[in-house]
Amino acid sequence: MEPNSKFIKVSCPKCKNEQIIFGKASTIVKCLVCEKALSVPRGGKGIVKAKILEVL
């Protein structure tokens, strides 16, 4: 059985920084460069507000 949670490689819409985030993060995940919110928690899954490049 595979886990439902995944790590996601995303690109920040503001500064284009690539960053790896957790798909089910329980806190707001911000870009390490410009601090724009990349993922916002909503129950179980987070809402990703960045361009998804790859699911790891």
C-alpha atoms as a PDB file:
ATOM      1  CA  MET A   1       0.000   0.000   0.000  1.00  0.00           C
ATOM      2  CA  GLU A   2       1.310   3.439  -0.929  1.00  0.00           C
ATOM      3  CA  PRO A   3       0.892   6.473   1.333  1.00  0.00           C
ATOM      4  CA  ASN A   4      -1.570   9.164   0.197  1.00  0.00           C
ATOM      5  CA  SER A   5       0.805  11.996   1.035  1.00  0.00           C
ATOM      6  CA  LYS A   6       3.358  13.183  -1.511  1.00  0.00           C
ATOM      7  CA  PHE A   7       6.095  15.772  -1.835  1.00  0.00           C
ATOM      8  CA  ILE A   8       5.532  18.240  -4.673  1.00  0.00           C
ATOM      9  CA  LYS A   9       8.062  20.327  -6.604  1.00  0.00           C
ATOM     10  CA  VAL A  10       6.497  23.729  -7.286  1.00  0.00           C
ATOM     11  CA  SER A  11       7.475  27.000  -8.930  1.00  0.00           C
ATOM     12  CA  CYS A  12       6.612  30.256  -7.163  1.00  0.00           C
ATOM     13  CA  PRO A  13       4.269  32.376  -9.331  1.00  0.00           C
ATOM     14  CA  LYS A  14       5.928  35.600  -8.145  1.00  0.00           C
ATOM     15  CA  CYS A  15       9.710  34.960  -8.298  1.00  0.00           C
ATOM     16  CA  LYS A  16       9.862  31.580 -10.160  1.00  0.00           C
ATOM     17  CA  ASN A  17      11.850  29.960  -7.330  1.00  0.00           C
ATOM     18  CA  GLU A  18      11.570  26.146  -7.393  1.00  0.00           C
ATOM     19  CA  GLN A  19      10.851  24.551  -4.047  1.00  0.00           C
ATOM     20  CA  ILE A  20       9.803  21.139  -2.713  1.00  0.00           C
ATOM     21  CA  ILE A  21       6.775  21.188  -0.396  1.00  0.00           C
ATOM     22  CA  PHE A  22       4.641  18.569   1.340  1.00  0.00           C
ATOM     23  CA  GLY A  23       1.234  18.017  -0.239  1.00  0.00           C
ATOM     24  CA  LYS A  24      -0.590  17.759   3.108  1.00  0.00           C
ATOM     25  CA  ALA A  25       1.154  20.512   5.048  1.00  0.00           C
ATOM     26  CA  SER A  26      -0.688  21.591   8.207  1.00  0.00           C
ATOM     27  CA  THR A  27       0.745  25.128   8.155  1.00  0.00           C
ATOM     28  CA  ILE A  28       1.072  27.826   5.499  1.00  0.00           C
ATOM     29  CA  VAL A  29       4.102  27.102   3.291  1.00  0.00           C
ATOM     30  CA  LYS A  30       5.836  30.247   2.025  1.00  0.00           C
ATOM     31  CA  CYS A  31       8.405  30.761  -0.710  1.00  0.00           C
ATOM     32  CA  LEU A  32      11.912  30.861   0.756  1.00  0.00           C
ATOM     33  CA  VAL A  33      12.864  33.800  -1.501  1.00  0.00           C
ATOM     34  CA  CYS A  34       9.882  36.186  -1.633  1.00  0.00           C
ATOM     35  CA  GLU A  35       7.658  34.740   1.147  1.00  0.00           C
ATOM     36  CA  LYS A  36       4.554  34.402  -1.040  1.00  0.00           C
ATOM     37  CA  ALA A  37       2.190  31.669   0.222  1.00  0.00           C
ATOM     38  CA  LEU A  38       2.670  28.534  -1.883  1.00  0.00           C
ATOM     39  CA  SER A  39       0.312  26.223   0.002  1.00  0.00           C
ATOM     40  CA  VAL A  40      -2.539  26.890   2.442  1.00  0.00           C
ATOM     41  CA  PRO A  41      -3.929  24.112   4.684  1.00  0.00           C
ATOM     42  CA  ARG A  42      -7.586  23.123   4.235  1.00  0.00           C
ATOM     43  CA  GLY A  43      -8.537  20.089   6.300  1.00  0.00           C
ATOM     44  CA  GLY A  44      -6.460  17.154   5.068  1.00  0.00           C
ATOM     45  CA  LYS A  45      -5.011  18.397   1.796  1.00  0.00           C
ATOM     46  CA  GLY A  46      -3.378  21.754   1.266  1.00  0.00           C
ATOM     47  CA  ILE A  47      -4.424  24.106  -1.514  1.00  0.00           C
ATOM     48  CA  VAL A  48      -1.362  24.641  -3.702  1.00  0.00           C
ATOM     49  CA  LYS A  49      -1.183  28.213  -5.029  1.00  0.00           C
ATOM     50  CA  ALA A  50       1.926  27.634  -7.142  1.00  0.00           C
ATOM     51  CA  LYS A  51       2.631  25.896 -10.438  1.00  0.00           C
ATOM     52  CA  ILE A  52       3.168  22.164  -9.843  1.00  0.00           C
ATOM     53  CA  LEU A  53       6.246  20.976 -11.711  1.00  0.00           C
ATOM     54  CA  GLU A  54       6.573  17.397 -10.461  1.00  0.00           C
ATOM     55  CA  VAL A  55       5.097  14.994  -7.913  1.00  0.00           C
ATOM     56  CA  LEU A  56       7.912  13.200  -6.092  1.00  0.00           C
END
